[in-house]
Protein backbone atom coordinates (compact mmCIF):
# COMPACT_ATOMS: atom_id res chain seq x y z
CA MET A 1 24.92 -39.14 24.98
CA ASN A 2 28.60 -36.96 23.65
CA ALA A 3 28.87 -33.75 21.43
CA VAL A 4 30.71 -35.67 18.51
CA ASP A 5 27.66 -37.85 18.21
CA ILE A 6 25.06 -35.23 18.17
CA ILE A 7 27.47 -32.99 16.18
CA ASN A 8 27.70 -36.06 13.39
CA LYS A 9 24.08 -36.48 13.32
CA LYS A 10 23.36 -33.07 12.29
CA ARG A 11 26.11 -32.59 9.99
CA CYS A 12 24.34 -35.63 8.26
CA GLY A 13 21.04 -34.06 7.77
CA GLU A 14 19.66 -36.16 10.50
CA ALA A 15 16.77 -34.36 13.04
CA LEU A 16 17.96 -33.89 16.72
CA ASN A 17 15.93 -34.95 19.56
CA THR A 18 14.98 -32.68 22.60
CA GLU A 19 17.64 -34.41 24.98
CA GLU A 20 20.16 -33.77 22.39
CA ILE A 21 19.34 -30.34 21.29
CA GLU A 22 19.31 -29.53 25.32
CA TYR A 23 22.95 -31.46 25.86
CA MET A 24 24.39 -29.30 23.50
CA VAL A 25 22.70 -25.66 24.54
CA MET A 26 23.05 -26.16 28.48
CA GLY A 27 26.39 -27.62 27.88
CA PHE A 28 27.54 -24.60 26.14
CA THR A 29 25.70 -22.07 28.11
CA GLU A 30 27.43 -23.60 31.59
CA GLY A 31 31.26 -23.74 30.24
CA VAL A 32 30.82 -27.89 29.82
CA ILE A 33 30.81 -27.79 25.73
CA PRO A 34 33.72 -25.44 24.42
CA ASP A 35 33.11 -23.17 21.84
CA TYR A 36 34.72 -25.54 19.03
CA GLN A 37 32.32 -28.10 18.99
CA MET A 38 29.23 -25.40 19.32
CA SER A 39 30.72 -23.83 16.43
CA ALA A 40 30.65 -27.18 14.80
CA LEU A 41 27.30 -28.07 15.38
CA LEU A 42 26.14 -24.52 14.50
CA MET A 43 27.87 -24.96 11.13
CA ALA A 44 25.81 -28.25 10.69
CA ILE A 45 22.70 -26.53 11.59
CA CYS A 46 23.25 -23.67 8.81
CA LEU A 47 24.17 -26.29 5.94
CA GLN A 48 21.57 -28.90 7.09
CA GLY A 49 18.68 -26.79 8.63
CA MET A 50 16.31 -27.81 11.31
CA THR A 51 12.37 -29.01 11.05
CA LYS A 52 10.26 -27.03 12.82
CA GLU A 53 9.56 -29.53 15.71
CA GLU A 54 13.52 -29.13 16.39
CA THR A 55 13.08 -25.63 16.17
CA VAL A 56 10.51 -25.37 18.78
CA ASP A 57 12.27 -27.03 21.39
CA LEU A 58 15.57 -25.19 20.22
CA THR A 59 13.84 -22.14 21.21
CA ARG A 60 12.18 -23.14 24.41
CA ILE A 61 15.56 -24.41 25.97
CA MET A 62 16.78 -21.34 25.44
CA ARG A 63 14.21 -19.68 26.76
CA ASP A 64 14.44 -22.06 29.94
CA SER A 65 17.94 -21.22 30.07
CA GLY A 66 17.15 -18.24 32.06
CA GLU A 67 14.42 -16.51 33.96
CA THR A 68 11.45 -15.61 32.49
CA VAL A 69 9.54 -12.32 33.48
CA ASP A 70 6.05 -12.70 35.22
CA LEU A 71 3.98 -9.72 33.85
CA SER A 72 0.85 -10.99 35.25
CA ALA A 73 0.28 -8.19 38.10
CA ILE A 74 -0.05 -5.93 34.93
CA LYS A 75 -3.57 -5.20 33.79
CA GLY A 76 -4.87 -6.18 30.32
CA VAL A 77 -3.29 -7.98 27.46
CA LYS A 78 0.66 -6.97 27.52
CA VAL A 79 1.54 -6.64 23.83
CA ASP A 80 5.53 -6.59 22.58
CA LYS A 81 6.55 -5.17 19.58
CA HIS A 82 9.77 -6.86 17.66
CA SER A 83 11.63 -5.31 14.86
CA THR A 84 14.09 -7.39 12.89
CA GLY A 85 16.37 -4.22 12.35
CA GLY A 86 17.49 -2.15 10.23
CA VAL A 87 18.12 1.31 8.82
CA GLY A 88 16.75 4.48 10.61
CA ASP A 89 13.84 1.96 12.36
CA LYS A 90 12.83 4.07 15.55
CA THR A 91 9.24 3.03 15.43
CA THR A 92 9.02 1.57 19.05
CA LEU A 93 9.46 5.33 19.78
CA ILE A 94 6.29 5.94 18.26
CA VAL A 95 4.25 2.73 18.19
CA ALA A 96 4.65 2.41 21.99
CA PRO A 97 3.22 5.94 22.84
CA ILE A 98 0.21 5.41 20.57
CA ALA A 99 -0.86 1.96 21.39
CA ALA A 100 -0.18 2.92 25.18
CA ALA A 101 -2.48 6.18 24.63
CA CYS A 102 -5.26 4.00 23.64
CA GLY A 103 -4.92 1.48 26.37
CA VAL A 104 -2.28 -1.06 25.65
CA PRO A 105 0.07 -2.05 28.52
CA ILE A 106 3.88 -1.69 27.00
CA ALA A 107 6.13 -3.31 29.53
CA LYS A 108 8.89 -3.69 26.88
CA MET A 109 12.54 -4.63 27.39
CA SER A 110 14.49 -3.65 24.96
CA GLY A 111 18.52 -3.99 23.88
CA ARG A 112 21.34 -2.55 22.82
CA GLY A 113 22.85 -2.25 19.53
CA LEU A 114 25.62 -3.31 17.34
CA GLY A 115 26.41 -2.11 14.12
CA PHE A 116 24.30 0.95 12.24
CA THR A 117 23.12 2.94 15.20
CA GLY A 118 22.27 1.84 19.08
CA GLY A 119 19.39 -0.09 19.73
CA THR A 120 15.70 1.51 21.26
CA VAL A 121 17.81 1.56 24.76
CA ASP A 122 20.47 3.80 23.53
CA LYS A 123 18.47 5.65 21.31
CA MET A 124 16.44 6.54 24.91
CA GLU A 125 19.55 7.38 26.80
CA SER A 126 20.00 10.37 24.23
CA ILE A 127 17.23 12.02 25.90
CA PRO A 128 18.74 13.91 28.74
CA GLY A 129 18.62 12.29 32.22
CA PHE A 130 16.56 9.37 30.91
CA VAL A 131 17.10 6.34 32.99
CA THR A 132 16.69 2.86 31.00
CA SER A 133 17.22 0.29 34.19
CA MET A 134 14.40 -0.14 36.75
CA GLU A 135 13.58 -2.53 39.86
CA ARG A 136 11.20 -5.04 38.61
CA ASP A 137 8.31 -3.52 41.28
CA ARG A 138 9.20 -0.24 39.87
CA PHE A 139 8.86 -0.87 35.77
CA ILE A 140 5.19 -3.22 36.85
CA GLU A 141 4.34 -0.08 38.78
CA SER A 142 5.26 2.27 36.24
CA VAL A 143 2.89 0.14 33.17
CA ASN A 144 -0.01 0.06 35.46
CA GLU A 145 0.03 3.60 36.54
CA LYS A 146 1.67 5.34 33.10
CA GLY A 147 0.77 2.54 30.75
CA ILE A 148 4.21 2.17 29.50
CA ALA A 149 8.01 1.53 30.32
CA VAL A 150 10.99 0.49 28.18
CA ILE A 151 13.98 -0.83 29.69
CA GLY A 152 16.78 -2.75 29.09
CA GLN A 153 16.83 -6.20 28.76
CA THR A 154 18.87 -8.00 31.49
CA GLY A 155 21.54 -10.46 31.34
CA HIS A 156 19.70 -13.21 32.59
CA ILE A 157 16.73 -13.17 30.06
CA ALA A 158 18.12 -16.12 27.67
CA PRO A 159 21.45 -16.21 28.40
CA ALA A 160 21.85 -19.54 26.11
CA ASP A 161 21.06 -17.08 23.26
CA LYS A 162 23.45 -14.36 24.32
CA LYS A 163 26.30 -16.37 24.20
CA MET A 164 25.43 -18.26 21.10
CA TYR A 165 24.80 -15.38 19.22
CA ALA A 166 27.95 -14.03 19.73
CA LEU A 167 29.59 -17.25 19.03
CA ARG A 168 27.71 -17.48 15.49
CA ASP A 169 28.52 -13.57 14.99
CA VAL A 170 32.26 -14.96 14.50
CA THR A 171 31.84 -18.23 12.81
CA GLY A 172 29.72 -17.16 10.09
CA THR A 173 26.74 -19.10 11.31
CA THR A 174 24.43 -16.19 11.27
CA GLU A 175 22.20 -17.18 8.19
CA SER A 176 19.89 -19.99 9.58
CA ILE A 177 16.29 -19.64 9.70
CA SER A 178 16.08 -21.80 12.75
CA LEU A 179 18.65 -20.39 14.54
CA ILE A 180 17.43 -16.30 13.65
CA THR A 181 13.86 -17.61 14.79
CA SER A 182 14.75 -19.34 18.28
CA SER A 183 17.19 -16.37 18.89
CA ILE A 184 14.36 -14.03 18.90
CA MET A 185 11.61 -15.50 19.82
CA SER A 186 13.74 -17.15 23.00
CA LYS A 187 13.96 -13.52 24.26
CA LYS A 188 10.32 -12.75 23.51
CA LEU A 189 9.20 -15.72 25.04
CA ALA A 190 11.05 -15.12 27.81
CA ALA A 191 9.77 -10.95 28.09
CA GLY A 192 6.45 -12.27 29.44
CA ALA A 193 4.14 -10.65 27.35
CA ASP A 194 0.94 -12.07 25.90
CA ALA A 195 1.06 -11.16 22.52
CA ILE A 196 4.06 -10.23 20.18
CA VAL A 197 3.49 -7.86 16.86
CA LEU A 198 6.81 -8.81 14.72
CA ASP A 199 8.41 -6.37 12.13
CA VAL A 200 10.06 -8.53 9.26
CA LYS A 201 11.93 -6.26 7.12
CA CYS A 202 13.01 -7.26 3.90
CA GLY A 203 15.85 -5.77 1.28
CA ALA A 204 19.13 -4.00 1.58
CA GLY A 205 19.38 -2.51 5.02
CA ALA A 206 17.46 -5.99 6.48
CA PHE A 207 19.36 -9.14 7.27
CA MET A 208 16.90 -11.24 5.09
CA LYS A 209 17.48 -9.55 1.58
CA THR A 210 14.23 -11.16 -0.16
CA TYR A 211 10.58 -10.81 0.60
CA GLU A 212 10.63 -14.82 0.12
CA ASP A 213 13.11 -15.32 2.99
CA ALA A 214 11.47 -12.35 5.25
CA ARG A 215 8.23 -13.82 4.92
CA GLU A 216 9.68 -16.99 5.65
CA LEU A 217 11.19 -16.21 9.23
CA ALA A 218 7.87 -14.41 10.02
CA VAL A 219 5.86 -17.62 9.30
CA TRP A 220 8.20 -19.79 11.72
CA MET A 221 8.02 -17.04 14.23
CA VAL A 222 4.44 -16.50 14.60
CA ASP A 223 4.00 -20.38 14.03
CA ILE A 224 6.37 -20.92 17.31
CA GLY A 225 4.81 -17.96 19.10
CA ARG A 226 1.36 -19.27 18.52
CA GLY A 227 3.02 -23.21 19.60
CA ASN A 228 3.65 -21.40 23.02
CA ASN A 229 0.77 -19.38 23.38
CA LYS A 230 1.03 -16.37 22.51
CA LYS A 231 -1.15 -14.22 20.09
CA MET A 232 1.11 -13.46 17.15
CA THR A 233 1.15 -10.96 13.93
CA ALA A 234 4.05 -10.30 11.85
CA VAL A 235 4.10 -6.87 9.86
CA ILE A 236 6.61 -7.51 6.82
CA SER A 237 8.08 -4.41 5.69
CA ASP A 238 10.57 -2.90 3.35
CA MET A 239 13.90 -2.00 3.85
CA GLU A 240 15.35 -1.20 0.61
CA GLN A 241 16.29 2.24 1.52
CA PRO A 242 16.39 4.00 5.17
CA LEU A 243 12.89 4.08 7.04
CA GLY A 244 12.22 8.29 7.61
CA LYS A 245 14.78 10.55 7.33
CA ALA A 246 17.06 10.26 10.23
CA VAL A 247 19.70 7.52 10.85
CA GLY A 248 21.40 8.15 14.37
CA ASN A 249 20.37 8.24 18.01
CA ALA A 250 19.40 11.90 19.10
CA LEU A 251 18.40 12.64 15.37
CA GLU A 252 15.89 9.32 15.48
CA VAL A 253 14.05 10.63 18.57
CA ARG A 254 13.80 13.81 17.42
CA GLU A 255 12.06 12.81 14.02
CA ALA A 256 10.35 10.41 16.31
CA ILE A 257 8.92 13.46 18.41
CA ASP A 258 7.90 15.06 14.96
CA VAL A 259 5.89 12.35 13.91
CA LEU A 260 4.19 12.23 17.58
CA ARG A 261 3.93 15.99 16.69
CA GLY A 262 1.50 15.43 13.51
CA ASP A 263 4.86 15.78 10.98
CA GLY A 264 7.50 13.77 10.05
CA PRO A 265 8.03 11.53 7.05
CA GLU A 266 5.37 9.89 5.35
CA ASP A 267 6.93 6.50 5.72
CA ILE A 268 7.61 5.98 8.99
CA ARG A 269 4.18 7.59 10.09
CA ALA A 270 2.67 4.91 7.88
CA LEU A 271 4.46 2.13 9.08
CA SER A 272 4.09 3.32 12.89
CA LEU A 273 0.58 3.58 12.70
CA ARG A 274 -0.11 -0.43 10.90
CA LEU A 275 2.22 -1.66 14.10
CA ALA A 276 0.11 0.47 16.72
CA ALA A 277 -3.21 -0.89 15.09
CA GLU A 278 -1.69 -4.72 15.37
CA MET A 279 -0.86 -4.10 19.12
CA ILE A 280 -4.11 -2.48 19.07
CA LEU A 281 -5.88 -5.81 18.21
CA LEU A 282 -4.01 -8.41 19.82
CA GLY A 283 -4.40 -6.20 22.70
CA GLU A 284 -8.01 -6.98 22.57
CA LEU A 285 -9.33 -3.49 22.33
CA ALA A 286 -10.97 -2.93 18.59
CA ASP A 287 -13.36 -6.00 19.04
CA GLY A 288 -11.41 -7.68 16.54
CA SER A 289 -11.81 -5.22 13.83
CA ARG A 290 -8.77 -3.97 12.11
CA GLU A 291 -10.71 -1.18 10.78
CA LYS A 292 -11.69 0.17 14.08
CA ALA A 293 -7.93 -0.54 15.38
CA GLU A 294 -6.69 2.06 12.64
CA LYS A 295 -9.21 4.09 13.55
CA MET A 296 -8.13 4.40 17.40
CA ALA A 297 -4.25 4.45 16.49
CA MET A 298 -5.27 7.57 14.33
CA GLU A 299 -7.21 9.30 16.67
CA ALA A 300 -4.47 8.84 19.02
CA LEU A 301 -1.81 10.85 16.48
CA GLU A 302 -3.77 13.42 15.36
CA SER A 303 -5.33 14.39 19.04
CA GLY A 304 -2.16 14.55 20.45
CA LYS A 305 -2.90 11.77 23.04
CA ALA A 306 -0.07 9.82 21.88
CA LEU A 307 2.63 12.80 22.20
CA GLU A 308 1.39 13.32 25.68
CA LYS A 309 1.76 10.01 26.67
CA PHE A 310 5.46 10.09 25.35
CA GLY A 311 6.09 13.15 27.61
CA GLN A 312 4.75 11.04 30.87
CA PHE A 313 6.70 7.91 29.52
CA VAL A 314 10.10 10.44 29.39
CA ALA A 315 9.35 12.01 32.72
CA ASN A 316 8.24 8.69 34.60
CA GLN A 317 12.10 7.49 33.57
CA GLY A 318 13.53 10.59 34.53
CA GLY A 319 13.95 12.17 31.20
CA ASP A 320 13.47 15.69 30.26
CA PRO A 321 9.98 16.08 28.28
CA ALA A 322 11.32 19.58 27.56
CA ILE A 323 12.57 18.03 24.78
CA ILE A 324 9.53 17.64 22.92
CA GLU A 325 9.37 21.54 22.69
CA ASP A 326 12.73 22.29 22.52
CA THR A 327 15.30 19.70 20.45
CA SER A 328 18.56 21.34 21.38
CA LEU A 329 18.33 20.03 24.39
CA PHE A 330 19.85 16.86 22.68
CA ALA A 331 23.30 16.62 22.06
CA GLN A 332 24.51 18.38 19.27
CA ALA A 333 27.27 17.69 16.98
CA ALA A 334 30.34 19.67 16.25
CA PHE A 335 30.39 18.87 12.65
CA ALA A 336 27.87 18.58 9.68
CA VAL A 337 29.62 17.74 6.50
CA GLU A 338 26.98 17.84 3.51
CA VAL A 339 26.68 15.54 0.56
CA ARG A 340 25.84 16.67 -2.80
CA ALA A 341 24.86 15.69 -5.68
CA GLU A 342 27.35 15.77 -9.19
CA ALA A 343 24.55 15.19 -11.49
CA ALA A 344 21.00 16.49 -11.98
CA GLY A 345 18.23 13.52 -11.86
CA TYR A 346 16.53 11.30 -10.17
CA VAL A 347 17.57 8.92 -7.04
CA THR A 348 17.14 5.53 -8.29
CA ALA A 349 18.34 3.85 -5.47
CA LEU A 350 19.42 4.22 -2.14
CA ASP A 351 21.57 1.84 -0.58
CA ALA A 352 20.14 1.17 3.17
CA MET A 353 23.09 -0.84 3.99
CA GLN A 354 25.40 1.90 2.88
CA ILE A 355 23.98 4.55 4.63
CA GLY A 356 23.87 2.26 7.86
CA LEU A 357 27.45 1.83 7.68
CA ALA A 358 28.19 5.52 6.93
CA SER A 359 26.35 6.45 10.00
CA GLN A 360 27.83 3.72 12.22
CA HIS A 361 31.47 5.43 11.02
CA ALA A 362 30.56 8.63 11.53
CA GLY A 363 30.23 7.67 15.47
CA ALA A 364 26.37 6.85 15.57
CA GLY A 365 26.79 3.04 16.15
CA ARG A 366 29.25 0.17 17.91
CA GLU A 367 31.76 -2.32 16.07
CA LYS A 368 32.41 -3.67 19.72
CA LYS A 369 29.95 -4.09 22.76
CA GLU A 370 32.51 -1.76 24.73
CA ASP A 371 32.85 1.06 22.24
CA GLU A 372 31.15 4.62 22.92
CA ILE A 373 28.06 5.66 20.79
CA ASP A 374 28.26 9.11 19.83
CA MET A 375 24.74 10.35 20.15
CA ALA A 376 25.15 13.79 18.46
CA ALA A 377 26.38 11.35 15.31
CA GLY A 378 24.32 10.43 12.20
CA ILE A 379 22.39 11.30 8.79
CA LEU A 380 19.78 13.33 7.93
CA LEU A 381 18.49 12.62 4.54
CA ASP A 382 17.33 15.11 2.23
CA LYS A 383 16.55 12.96 -0.75
CA LYS A 384 15.21 9.17 -0.99
CA VAL A 385 14.32 6.77 -3.78
CA GLY A 386 12.09 9.06 -6.27
CA ASP A 387 13.24 12.53 -5.87
CA GLU A 388 14.73 14.64 -8.20
CA VAL A 389 17.90 16.28 -7.98
CA GLN A 390 19.38 18.78 -9.48
CA ALA A 391 23.49 19.18 -9.51
CA GLY A 392 25.00 20.37 -6.46
CA GLU A 393 21.56 19.85 -4.76
CA LEU A 394 21.77 18.70 -0.97
CA LEU A 395 21.30 15.01 -0.77
CA CYS A 396 21.91 14.31 3.11
CA THR A 397 24.03 16.07 5.69
CA VAL A 398 26.76 13.62 8.06
CA TYR A 399 26.76 14.83 11.81
CA GLY A 400 29.77 13.61 14.29
CA ASN A 401 31.98 15.04 16.74
CA ASP A 402 35.08 13.50 15.24
CA LYS A 403 35.79 15.65 11.85
CA GLU A 404 37.47 12.74 10.26
CA LYS A 405 34.86 10.29 11.59
CA ALA A 406 32.21 12.16 9.76
CA GLU A 407 34.00 12.70 6.69
CA THR A 408 34.96 9.38 6.10
CA GLY A 409 30.89 8.97 6.76
CA ALA A 410 29.91 11.77 3.91
CA ARG A 411 32.22 9.74 1.23
CA GLU A 412 30.64 6.73 2.42
CA ALA A 413 27.39 8.26 1.97
CA PHE A 414 27.48 9.77 -1.11
CA ALA A 415 28.57 6.40 -2.57
CA ALA A 416 24.88 5.31 -1.19
CA TYR A 417 23.14 7.27 -3.65
CA THR A 418 22.26 6.30 -7.48
CA ILE A 419 21.10 9.04 -9.67
CA GLY A 420 19.29 8.10 -13.44
CA SER A 421 18.01 9.85 -15.95
CA ASN A 422 14.22 7.93 -15.02
CA LYS A 423 11.73 8.13 -12.59
CA PRO A 424 11.96 4.55 -10.50
CA GLU A 425 8.19 3.33 -9.57
CA LYS A 426 7.40 3.40 -5.72
CA THR A 427 7.67 0.30 -4.04
CA LEU A 428 5.50 -1.07 -1.41
CA LEU A 429 6.67 -0.34 2.45
CA ILE A 430 3.89 -2.82 3.89
CA LYS A 431 4.18 -5.92 1.75
CA GLU A 432 2.21 -8.29 3.80
CA ILE A 433 0.39 -9.19 7.29
CA ILE A 434 0.90 -12.71 8.71
CA ASP A 435 -1.76 -13.33 11.24
């Protein structure tokens, strides 16, 4: 068996067997297969695709390339939640406390972010004192005692994916359903949860631009999870415009707190309640009734139990729960640049990708892993699609501690808005649930 034969086989559109996939993946992970040969295989996969059987094998091999987490010491059905990413997506900060308040044990490992803003771990670290690293025993103890713990993902989880993803990112080989599925699911399967709720985004600010592509990805991931004895649900949601009104780390945590307090934008509230209900359902706490799960999630939010659980979660991981009442404790930006409309009309489009890039360039995200995030940087949106505006009215405000970066972000944010004379039709936020 040799790499050239395997590359040629896939280039010709033939299916690889388990041994061939393992030879390439583990050889590359261990440094035996060089970058250029793995790049050639990844490009062949992008062009020729993989069967479901190949994708199952690839996911399992990537999962087994590192450690798998044993969560059996945690009582109850452990339910994880994963989003395929988007702009302003802070749902984990809302969904996890709601589900935990209803009795779902939340033992979540999250990553840092490249691109628009930080990942969930970066967002949590915008809370003064919050610690995202924890010994395994303490992690399990926290979930059993408090019902929730969120920590950074270790480098020992699916190292094959980490190395392959870095190569895909610089070789134009990211757009493959099989590679995306195996990348996401290898980490989720290794993280030890019994059930997984997926939030699969589609639209301008998502990796999958169309509903059809998002649905295909959702079905593949659900099938892979079930094939590995995990209970699975996928929610397909819209990402044509940013979710909520806050984009940026500390800004998004503040908005999440607003939602937990009973306020906040309707879209982020609605999606968070839906995802929480799906977690409660998979956690076997609603007698198999989606209606009961929805009521449980709503009650946890409206009664204040979810906010109380959030405070316990923050305090348990070293953070200052006083942020719930005093948001001035978050990092504050030195500069705020207003973006105003040049003409009257309606916001007919708000390009999520453009807003994400504007936020990143203002300092809220990373271009390289070693870049330092400005936790105070980001964008607050005053107007979104469907809103009426007058000439000179505020569209959004860009924040940052570097004036030049903030002004760059403001110019880019302005370009994200399209103002027209006719009010656009409202689009569906939640497009489908695959269960």
